[in-house]
Amino acid sequence: MKVFTYSEARQNLSELLNTAKNEEVEIRRRDGSIFSIVPKIKKEKSPFDVAGIKTKATTQDILDAIKESRVG
């Protein structure tokens, strides 16, 4: 883990973020408070990728329901 002071973090933000890609980074202020910087993990998943469900409906039941909903 790499530790930066507040002033160092301000002056070297690009370096700090590059370091945080691989390891946790701490920023320490004069008043003693400490902050951690860690990368947010990006999900490479489609919003349409949903879990399936179990049902007793057949394909024909679904097609009939669609056909019925379009009549009107």
N, C-alpha and C. Protein backbone atom coordinates (compact mmCIF):
# COMPACT_ATOMS: atom_id res chain seq x y z
N MET A 1 0.84 -1.17 0.00
CA MET A 1 0.00 0.00 0.00
C MET A 1 0.89 1.24 0.00
N LYS A 2 0.53 2.19 -0.86
CA LYS A 2 1.30 3.42 -0.96
C LYS A 2 0.55 4.52 -0.18
N VAL A 3 1.30 5.38 0.47
CA VAL A 3 0.73 6.45 1.29
C VAL A 3 1.18 7.80 0.74
N PHE A 4 0.22 8.69 0.54
CA PHE A 4 0.48 10.05 0.10
C PHE A 4 0.00 11.02 1.16
N THR A 5 0.68 12.12 1.30
CA THR A 5 0.12 13.20 2.11
C THR A 5 -0.89 13.92 1.22
N TYR A 6 -1.71 14.75 1.83
CA TYR A 6 -2.71 15.49 1.08
C TYR A 6 -2.04 16.33 -0.01
N SER A 7 -0.98 17.01 0.34
CA SER A 7 -0.27 17.86 -0.63
C SER A 7 0.31 17.04 -1.77
N GLU A 8 0.92 15.90 -1.46
CA GLU A 8 1.48 15.02 -2.49
C GLU A 8 0.37 14.51 -3.41
N ALA A 9 -0.76 14.17 -2.82
CA ALA A 9 -1.88 13.65 -3.60
C ALA A 9 -2.38 14.71 -4.58
N ARG A 10 -2.49 15.94 -4.12
CA ARG A 10 -2.92 17.03 -4.99
C ARG A 10 -1.95 17.24 -6.14
N GLN A 11 -0.68 17.22 -5.86
CA GLN A 11 0.34 17.50 -6.86
C GLN A 11 0.56 16.33 -7.82
N ASN A 12 0.26 15.13 -7.38
CA ASN A 12 0.53 13.93 -8.18
C ASN A 12 -0.71 13.07 -8.39
N LEU A 13 -1.83 13.71 -8.69
CA LEU A 13 -3.09 12.98 -8.80
C LEU A 13 -3.03 11.88 -9.85
N SER A 14 -2.45 12.18 -10.99
CA SER A 14 -2.36 11.19 -12.06
C SER A 14 -1.58 9.95 -11.61
N GLU A 15 -0.45 10.16 -10.97
CA GLU A 15 0.35 9.05 -10.45
C GLU A 15 -0.43 8.27 -9.39
N LEU A 16 -1.12 9.00 -8.52
CA LEU A 16 -1.90 8.37 -7.46
C LEU A 16 -2.97 7.44 -8.06
N LEU A 17 -3.69 7.94 -9.07
CA LEU A 17 -4.74 7.12 -9.69
C LEU A 17 -4.16 5.92 -10.41
N ASN A 18 -3.03 6.08 -11.07
CA ASN A 18 -2.38 4.94 -11.74
C ASN A 18 -1.95 3.89 -10.72
N THR A 19 -1.43 4.34 -9.59
CA THR A 19 -1.02 3.41 -8.53
C THR A 19 -2.24 2.69 -7.96
N ALA A 20 -3.34 3.43 -7.81
CA ALA A 20 -4.56 2.86 -7.22
C ALA A 20 -5.19 1.79 -8.11
N LYS A 21 -4.82 1.73 -9.39
CA LYS A 21 -5.32 0.66 -10.25
C LYS A 21 -4.84 -0.70 -9.77
N ASN A 22 -3.65 -0.74 -9.14
CA ASN A 22 -3.02 -2.00 -8.77
C ASN A 22 -2.98 -2.27 -7.28
N GLU A 23 -3.07 -1.22 -6.47
CA GLU A 23 -2.99 -1.40 -5.03
C GLU A 23 -3.75 -0.27 -4.33
N GLU A 24 -4.08 -0.51 -3.10
CA GLU A 24 -4.77 0.50 -2.31
C GLU A 24 -3.82 1.67 -2.03
N VAL A 25 -4.37 2.86 -2.08
CA VAL A 25 -3.60 4.07 -1.81
C VAL A 25 -4.27 4.81 -0.66
N GLU A 26 -3.46 5.29 0.28
CA GLU A 26 -3.97 6.08 1.39
C GLU A 26 -3.54 7.53 1.25
N ILE A 27 -4.44 8.42 1.59
CA ILE A 27 -4.13 9.85 1.65
C ILE A 27 -4.31 10.27 3.10
N ARG A 28 -3.26 10.85 3.67
CA ARG A 28 -3.29 11.28 5.07
C ARG A 28 -3.25 12.80 5.15
N ARG A 29 -4.17 13.34 5.95
CA ARG A 29 -4.21 14.79 6.17
C ARG A 29 -3.49 15.13 7.46
N ARG A 30 -3.17 16.40 7.61
CA ARG A 30 -2.49 16.86 8.81
C ARG A 30 -3.29 16.62 10.08
N ASP A 31 -4.62 16.68 9.96
CA ASP A 31 -5.47 16.50 11.14
C ASP A 31 -5.59 15.03 11.56
N GLY A 32 -4.91 14.14 10.84
CA GLY A 32 -4.90 12.73 11.20
C GLY A 32 -5.90 11.88 10.45
N SER A 33 -6.81 12.50 9.70
CA SER A 33 -7.79 11.70 8.95
C SER A 33 -7.10 11.00 7.78
N ILE A 34 -7.59 9.81 7.50
CA ILE A 34 -7.00 8.95 6.46
C ILE A 34 -8.10 8.53 5.50
N PHE A 35 -7.80 8.56 4.21
CA PHE A 35 -8.75 8.17 3.18
C PHE A 35 -8.10 7.11 2.30
N SER A 36 -8.87 6.12 1.89
CA SER A 36 -8.36 5.06 1.01
C SER A 36 -8.93 5.24 -0.38
N ILE A 37 -8.08 5.01 -1.36
CA ILE A 37 -8.49 5.04 -2.76
C ILE A 37 -8.31 3.63 -3.31
N VAL A 38 -9.39 3.06 -3.81
CA VAL A 38 -9.34 1.73 -4.43
C VAL A 38 -10.13 1.81 -5.74
N PRO A 39 -9.74 1.04 -6.74
CA PRO A 39 -10.46 1.12 -8.02
C PRO A 39 -11.85 0.48 -7.90
N LYS A 40 -12.78 1.06 -8.61
CA LYS A 40 -14.13 0.49 -8.68
C LYS A 40 -14.11 -0.54 -9.80
N ILE A 41 -14.59 -1.71 -9.51
CA ILE A 41 -14.56 -2.79 -10.49
C ILE A 41 -15.70 -2.59 -11.48
N LYS A 42 -15.34 -2.54 -12.75
CA LYS A 42 -16.32 -2.33 -13.81
C LYS A 42 -16.86 -3.67 -14.27
N LYS A 43 -18.17 -3.77 -14.29
CA LYS A 43 -18.80 -5.01 -14.75
C LYS A 43 -18.97 -4.95 -16.26
N GLU A 44 -18.49 -5.95 -16.93
CA GLU A 44 -18.58 -6.03 -18.39
C GLU A 44 -19.79 -6.89 -18.75
N LYS A 45 -20.95 -6.51 -18.24
CA LYS A 45 -22.13 -7.33 -18.40
C LYS A 45 -23.23 -6.54 -19.08
N SER A 46 -23.96 -7.18 -19.95
CA SER A 46 -25.07 -6.54 -20.64
C SER A 46 -26.25 -6.35 -19.68
N PRO A 47 -26.95 -5.23 -19.77
CA PRO A 47 -28.14 -5.05 -18.93
C PRO A 47 -29.25 -6.03 -19.31
N PHE A 48 -29.14 -6.65 -20.47
CA PHE A 48 -30.13 -7.62 -20.91
C PHE A 48 -29.77 -9.05 -20.47
N ASP A 49 -28.65 -9.21 -19.82
CA ASP A 49 -28.22 -10.52 -19.34
C ASP A 49 -28.89 -10.79 -17.99
N VAL A 50 -30.08 -11.38 -18.06
CA VAL A 50 -30.85 -11.65 -16.84
C VAL A 50 -30.98 -13.15 -16.64
N ALA A 51 -31.13 -13.54 -15.40
CA ALA A 51 -31.28 -14.96 -15.08
C ALA A 51 -32.63 -15.47 -15.56
N GLY A 52 -32.65 -16.68 -16.01
CA GLY A 52 -33.90 -17.30 -16.45
C GLY A 52 -34.74 -17.75 -15.27
N ILE A 53 -35.98 -18.09 -15.56
CA ILE A 53 -36.88 -18.59 -14.51
C ILE A 53 -37.46 -19.92 -14.95
N LYS A 54 -37.86 -20.73 -14.01
CA LYS A 54 -38.50 -22.01 -14.30
C LYS A 54 -40.00 -21.78 -14.39
N THR A 55 -40.63 -22.32 -15.42
CA THR A 55 -42.07 -22.19 -15.58
C THR A 55 -42.61 -23.42 -16.30
N LYS A 56 -43.88 -23.66 -16.12
CA LYS A 56 -44.52 -24.78 -16.81
C LYS A 56 -45.12 -24.36 -18.14
N ALA A 57 -44.99 -23.07 -18.48
CA ALA A 57 -45.53 -22.57 -19.74
C ALA A 57 -44.72 -23.13 -20.91
N THR A 58 -45.41 -23.51 -21.94
CA THR A 58 -44.75 -24.02 -23.13
C THR A 58 -44.56 -22.87 -24.12
N THR A 59 -43.80 -23.13 -25.15
CA THR A 59 -43.61 -22.13 -26.19
C THR A 59 -44.94 -21.77 -26.82
N GLN A 60 -45.78 -22.77 -27.01
CA GLN A 60 -47.10 -22.53 -27.62
C GLN A 60 -47.97 -21.67 -26.70
N ASP A 61 -47.89 -21.88 -25.37
CA ASP A 61 -48.63 -21.04 -24.43
C ASP A 61 -48.21 -19.57 -24.57
N ILE A 62 -46.94 -19.34 -24.70
CA ILE A 62 -46.42 -17.98 -24.82
C ILE A 62 -46.86 -17.35 -26.14
N LEU A 63 -46.75 -18.13 -27.24
CA LEU A 63 -47.19 -17.62 -28.54
C LEU A 63 -48.68 -17.31 -28.54
N ASP A 64 -49.49 -18.17 -27.91
CA ASP A 64 -50.94 -17.93 -27.82
C ASP A 64 -51.23 -16.67 -27.01
N ALA A 65 -50.52 -16.44 -25.94
CA ALA A 65 -50.72 -15.25 -25.11
C ALA A 65 -50.37 -13.99 -25.90
N ILE A 66 -49.29 -14.04 -26.70
CA ILE A 66 -48.91 -12.90 -27.52
C ILE A 66 -49.98 -12.63 -28.58
N LYS A 67 -50.43 -13.68 -29.22
CA LYS A 67 -51.45 -13.54 -30.26
C LYS A 67 -52.73 -12.98 -29.69
N GLU A 68 -53.11 -13.45 -28.52
CA GLU A 68 -54.34 -12.97 -27.85
C GLU A 68 -54.21 -11.50 -27.46
N SER A 69 -53.02 -11.09 -27.05
CA SER A 69 -52.83 -9.69 -26.64
C SER A 69 -52.87 -8.74 -27.82
N ARG A 70 -52.60 -9.23 -29.02
CA ARG A 70 -52.60 -8.39 -30.21
C ARG A 70 -53.98 -8.27 -30.85
N VAL A 71 -54.91 -9.11 -30.45
CA VAL A 71 -56.27 -9.05 -30.98
C VAL A 71 -57.02 -8.00 -30.18
N GLY A 72 -57.67 -7.10 -30.86
CA GLY A 72 -58.39 -6.14 -30.04
C GLY A 72 -58.89 -5.06 -30.81
